[in-house]
Amino acid sequence: MEIRYFPESDILYIKLIDGVSTESEEVAPYVVLDFDAKKRVLGIEIEDASQRMDLSKLEISALPLADLVFSQQRMPA
């Protein structure tokens, strides 16, 4: 699973599994699910994310993580 924030478009994307999106559906205002050809949910897109949630904090609880990677988007020089 991967969580990415795109500040230029204010979109938060949660990639659940790898795959090719063949269909997207808005399931609630500003929330879009991406599906593959087998109708599996690949990811969740949240539009206008900074207006809908606190992006300064992420809490992870009780996940059986084998690897945790932190990365920060670098701004061009």
N, C-alpha and C. Protein backbone atom coordinates (compact mmCIF):
# COMPACT_ATOMS: atom_id res chain seq x y z
N MET A 1 0.86 -1.16 0.00
CA MET A 1 0.00 0.00 0.00
C MET A 1 0.91 1.23 0.00
N GLU A 2 0.47 2.24 -0.71
CA GLU A 2 1.25 3.47 -0.83
C GLU A 2 0.30 4.67 -0.75
N ILE A 3 0.69 5.66 0.01
CA ILE A 3 -0.11 6.88 0.13
C ILE A 3 0.72 8.03 -0.42
N ARG A 4 0.16 8.75 -1.38
CA ARG A 4 0.88 9.87 -2.01
C ARG A 4 -0.02 11.10 -2.02
N TYR A 5 0.62 12.23 -1.80
CA TYR A 5 -0.09 13.51 -1.88
C TYR A 5 0.53 14.32 -3.00
N PHE A 6 -0.31 14.90 -3.84
CA PHE A 6 0.10 15.72 -4.97
C PHE A 6 -0.34 17.15 -4.71
N PRO A 7 0.56 17.99 -4.18
CA PRO A 7 0.17 19.34 -3.78
C PRO A 7 -0.31 20.21 -4.93
N GLU A 8 0.22 20.00 -6.14
CA GLU A 8 -0.17 20.84 -7.27
C GLU A 8 -1.65 20.66 -7.64
N SER A 9 -2.20 19.49 -7.37
CA SER A 9 -3.62 19.24 -7.65
C SER A 9 -4.43 19.01 -6.37
N ASP A 10 -3.77 19.02 -5.22
CA ASP A 10 -4.40 18.79 -3.91
C ASP A 10 -5.16 17.47 -3.89
N ILE A 11 -4.50 16.42 -4.39
CA ILE A 11 -5.09 15.09 -4.42
C ILE A 11 -4.27 14.16 -3.54
N LEU A 12 -4.97 13.39 -2.71
CA LEU A 12 -4.35 12.32 -1.93
C LEU A 12 -4.74 11.02 -2.60
N TYR A 13 -3.75 10.18 -2.91
CA TYR A 13 -4.03 8.91 -3.57
C TYR A 13 -3.51 7.78 -2.71
N ILE A 14 -4.38 6.82 -2.43
CA ILE A 14 -4.01 5.63 -1.66
C ILE A 14 -4.03 4.45 -2.62
N LYS A 15 -2.83 3.98 -2.97
CA LYS A 15 -2.73 2.82 -3.87
C LYS A 15 -2.79 1.56 -3.02
N LEU A 16 -3.79 0.75 -3.23
CA LEU A 16 -3.98 -0.47 -2.45
C LEU A 16 -3.20 -1.64 -3.03
N ILE A 17 -3.30 -1.81 -4.35
CA ILE A 17 -2.59 -2.89 -5.04
C ILE A 17 -2.12 -2.38 -6.39
N ASP A 18 -1.10 -3.03 -6.96
CA ASP A 18 -0.62 -2.68 -8.29
C ASP A 18 -1.60 -3.19 -9.33
N GLY A 19 -1.68 -2.50 -10.43
CA GLY A 19 -2.53 -2.92 -11.53
C GLY A 19 -2.81 -1.76 -12.46
N VAL A 20 -3.55 -2.05 -13.51
CA VAL A 20 -3.92 -1.06 -14.50
C VAL A 20 -5.38 -0.70 -14.31
N SER A 21 -5.63 0.58 -14.11
CA SER A 21 -7.00 1.04 -13.91
C SER A 21 -7.76 1.02 -15.24
N THR A 22 -8.90 0.36 -15.24
CA THR A 22 -9.73 0.32 -16.44
C THR A 22 -11.03 1.08 -16.24
N GLU A 23 -11.30 1.45 -14.99
CA GLU A 23 -12.56 2.14 -14.68
C GLU A 23 -12.39 2.92 -13.38
N SER A 24 -13.04 4.07 -13.32
CA SER A 24 -13.06 4.87 -12.10
C SER A 24 -14.50 5.25 -11.79
N GLU A 25 -14.81 5.35 -10.50
CA GLU A 25 -16.18 5.70 -10.10
C GLU A 25 -16.14 6.63 -8.89
N GLU A 26 -16.85 7.73 -9.00
CA GLU A 26 -16.98 8.63 -7.86
C GLU A 26 -18.02 8.03 -6.93
N VAL A 27 -17.59 7.61 -5.74
CA VAL A 27 -18.48 6.92 -4.81
C VAL A 27 -19.06 7.85 -3.75
N ALA A 28 -18.48 9.03 -3.62
CA ALA A 28 -18.95 10.07 -2.71
C ALA A 28 -18.36 11.37 -3.26
N PRO A 29 -18.89 12.51 -2.85
CA PRO A 29 -18.30 13.75 -3.33
C PRO A 29 -16.80 13.80 -3.05
N TYR A 30 -16.01 14.01 -4.11
CA TYR A 30 -14.56 14.15 -4.03
C TYR A 30 -13.81 12.86 -3.73
N VAL A 31 -14.48 11.71 -3.79
CA VAL A 31 -13.83 10.42 -3.54
C VAL A 31 -14.05 9.51 -4.76
N VAL A 32 -12.94 9.09 -5.37
CA VAL A 32 -12.99 8.28 -6.59
C VAL A 32 -12.25 6.97 -6.35
N LEU A 33 -12.87 5.86 -6.73
CA LEU A 33 -12.22 4.56 -6.65
C LEU A 33 -11.76 4.16 -8.05
N ASP A 34 -10.55 3.60 -8.15
CA ASP A 34 -10.03 3.07 -9.41
C ASP A 34 -10.13 1.55 -9.36
N PHE A 35 -10.64 0.96 -10.44
CA PHE A 35 -10.85 -0.49 -10.54
C PHE A 35 -10.02 -1.06 -11.69
N ASP A 36 -9.64 -2.33 -11.57
CA ASP A 36 -9.01 -3.02 -12.69
C ASP A 36 -10.07 -3.79 -13.46
N ALA A 37 -9.65 -4.55 -14.45
CA ALA A 37 -10.60 -5.28 -15.31
C ALA A 37 -11.38 -6.35 -14.54
N LYS A 38 -10.83 -6.81 -13.39
CA LYS A 38 -11.53 -7.81 -12.57
C LYS A 38 -12.39 -7.17 -11.49
N LYS A 39 -12.55 -5.83 -11.57
CA LYS A 39 -13.37 -5.06 -10.61
C LYS A 39 -12.76 -4.99 -9.22
N ARG A 40 -11.44 -5.25 -9.11
CA ARG A 40 -10.76 -5.07 -7.83
C ARG A 40 -10.44 -3.60 -7.64
N VAL A 41 -10.55 -3.11 -6.42
CA VAL A 41 -10.22 -1.72 -6.14
C VAL A 41 -8.70 -1.59 -6.07
N LEU A 42 -8.16 -0.77 -6.96
CA LEU A 42 -6.72 -0.54 -7.00
C LEU A 42 -6.31 0.61 -6.10
N GLY A 43 -7.16 1.64 -6.06
CA GLY A 43 -6.79 2.81 -5.30
C GLY A 43 -7.96 3.72 -5.01
N ILE A 44 -7.70 4.65 -4.11
CA ILE A 44 -8.70 5.62 -3.66
C ILE A 44 -8.11 7.01 -3.86
N GLU A 45 -8.83 7.85 -4.59
CA GLU A 45 -8.39 9.23 -4.83
C GLU A 45 -9.30 10.17 -4.06
N ILE A 46 -8.69 11.09 -3.33
CA ILE A 46 -9.45 12.08 -2.58
C ILE A 46 -9.07 13.45 -3.11
N GLU A 47 -10.04 14.11 -3.73
CA GLU A 47 -9.81 15.43 -4.32
C GLU A 47 -9.96 16.51 -3.26
N ASP A 48 -9.27 17.63 -3.46
CA ASP A 48 -9.27 18.74 -2.49
C ASP A 48 -8.94 18.23 -1.09
N ALA A 49 -7.94 17.38 -1.02
CA ALA A 49 -7.61 16.66 0.22
C ALA A 49 -7.28 17.58 1.38
N SER A 50 -6.54 18.64 1.13
CA SER A 50 -6.14 19.52 2.25
C SER A 50 -7.32 20.25 2.86
N GLN A 51 -8.43 20.33 2.12
CA GLN A 51 -9.63 20.97 2.64
C GLN A 51 -10.52 19.98 3.40
N ARG A 52 -10.25 18.68 3.24
CA ARG A 52 -11.12 17.66 3.81
C ARG A 52 -10.51 16.90 4.98
N MET A 53 -9.18 17.03 5.15
CA MET A 53 -8.54 16.28 6.23
C MET A 53 -7.25 16.97 6.66
N ASP A 54 -6.76 16.58 7.81
CA ASP A 54 -5.50 17.10 8.33
C ASP A 54 -4.37 16.27 7.74
N LEU A 55 -3.64 16.85 6.80
CA LEU A 55 -2.56 16.13 6.14
C LEU A 55 -1.25 16.19 6.91
N SER A 56 -1.24 16.87 8.04
CA SER A 56 -0.01 17.01 8.81
C SER A 56 0.24 15.82 9.74
N LYS A 57 -0.72 14.91 9.85
CA LYS A 57 -0.59 13.79 10.78
C LYS A 57 -1.05 12.50 10.12
N LEU A 58 -0.30 11.43 10.33
CA LEU A 58 -0.67 10.11 9.85
C LEU A 58 -0.47 9.14 11.00
N GLU A 59 -1.50 8.43 11.36
CA GLU A 59 -1.42 7.46 12.46
C GLU A 59 -1.61 6.07 11.88
N ILE A 60 -0.70 5.17 12.21
CA ILE A 60 -0.77 3.79 11.76
C ILE A 60 -0.89 2.91 12.99
N SER A 61 -1.86 2.03 13.00
CA SER A 61 -2.10 1.22 14.18
C SER A 61 -2.31 -0.24 13.81
N ALA A 62 -1.58 -1.11 14.46
CA ALA A 62 -1.76 -2.56 14.41
C ALA A 62 -1.63 -3.17 13.01
N LEU A 63 -0.82 -2.57 12.14
CA LEU A 63 -0.58 -3.17 10.83
C LEU A 63 0.66 -4.07 10.93
N PRO A 64 0.60 -5.25 10.35
CA PRO A 64 1.74 -6.16 10.40
C PRO A 64 2.79 -5.77 9.34
N LEU A 65 3.43 -4.63 9.54
CA LEU A 65 4.36 -4.10 8.55
C LEU A 65 5.69 -4.83 8.58
N ALA A 66 6.18 -5.18 7.40
CA ALA A 66 7.53 -5.73 7.28
C ALA A 66 8.50 -4.63 6.89
N ASP A 67 7.97 -3.57 6.27
CA ASP A 67 8.81 -2.47 5.81
C ASP A 67 8.00 -1.18 5.86
N LEU A 68 8.60 -0.14 6.37
CA LEU A 68 7.97 1.17 6.44
C LEU A 68 8.93 2.17 5.83
N VAL A 69 8.50 2.84 4.77
CA VAL A 69 9.37 3.75 4.04
C VAL A 69 8.79 5.16 4.14
N PHE A 70 9.63 6.10 4.53
CA PHE A 70 9.24 7.51 4.57
C PHE A 70 9.99 8.22 3.46
N SER A 71 9.27 9.00 2.69
CA SER A 71 9.94 9.82 1.68
C SER A 71 9.21 11.15 1.62
N GLN A 72 9.95 12.16 1.25
CA GLN A 72 9.39 13.49 1.17
C GLN A 72 9.63 14.02 -0.23
N GLN A 73 8.59 14.60 -0.81
CA GLN A 73 8.73 15.17 -2.14
C GLN A 73 9.71 16.32 -2.08
N ARG A 74 10.66 16.30 -2.96
CA ARG A 74 11.67 17.36 -2.99
C ARG A 74 11.22 18.45 -3.94
N MET A 75 11.39 19.67 -3.47
CA MET A 75 11.03 20.82 -4.28
C MET A 75 12.19 21.14 -5.22
N PRO A 76 11.89 21.53 -6.47
CA PRO A 76 12.97 21.87 -7.41
C PRO A 76 13.80 23.04 -6.88
N ALA A 77 15.09 23.01 -7.15
CA ALA A 77 16.00 24.08 -6.69
C ALA A 77 15.87 25.32 -7.54
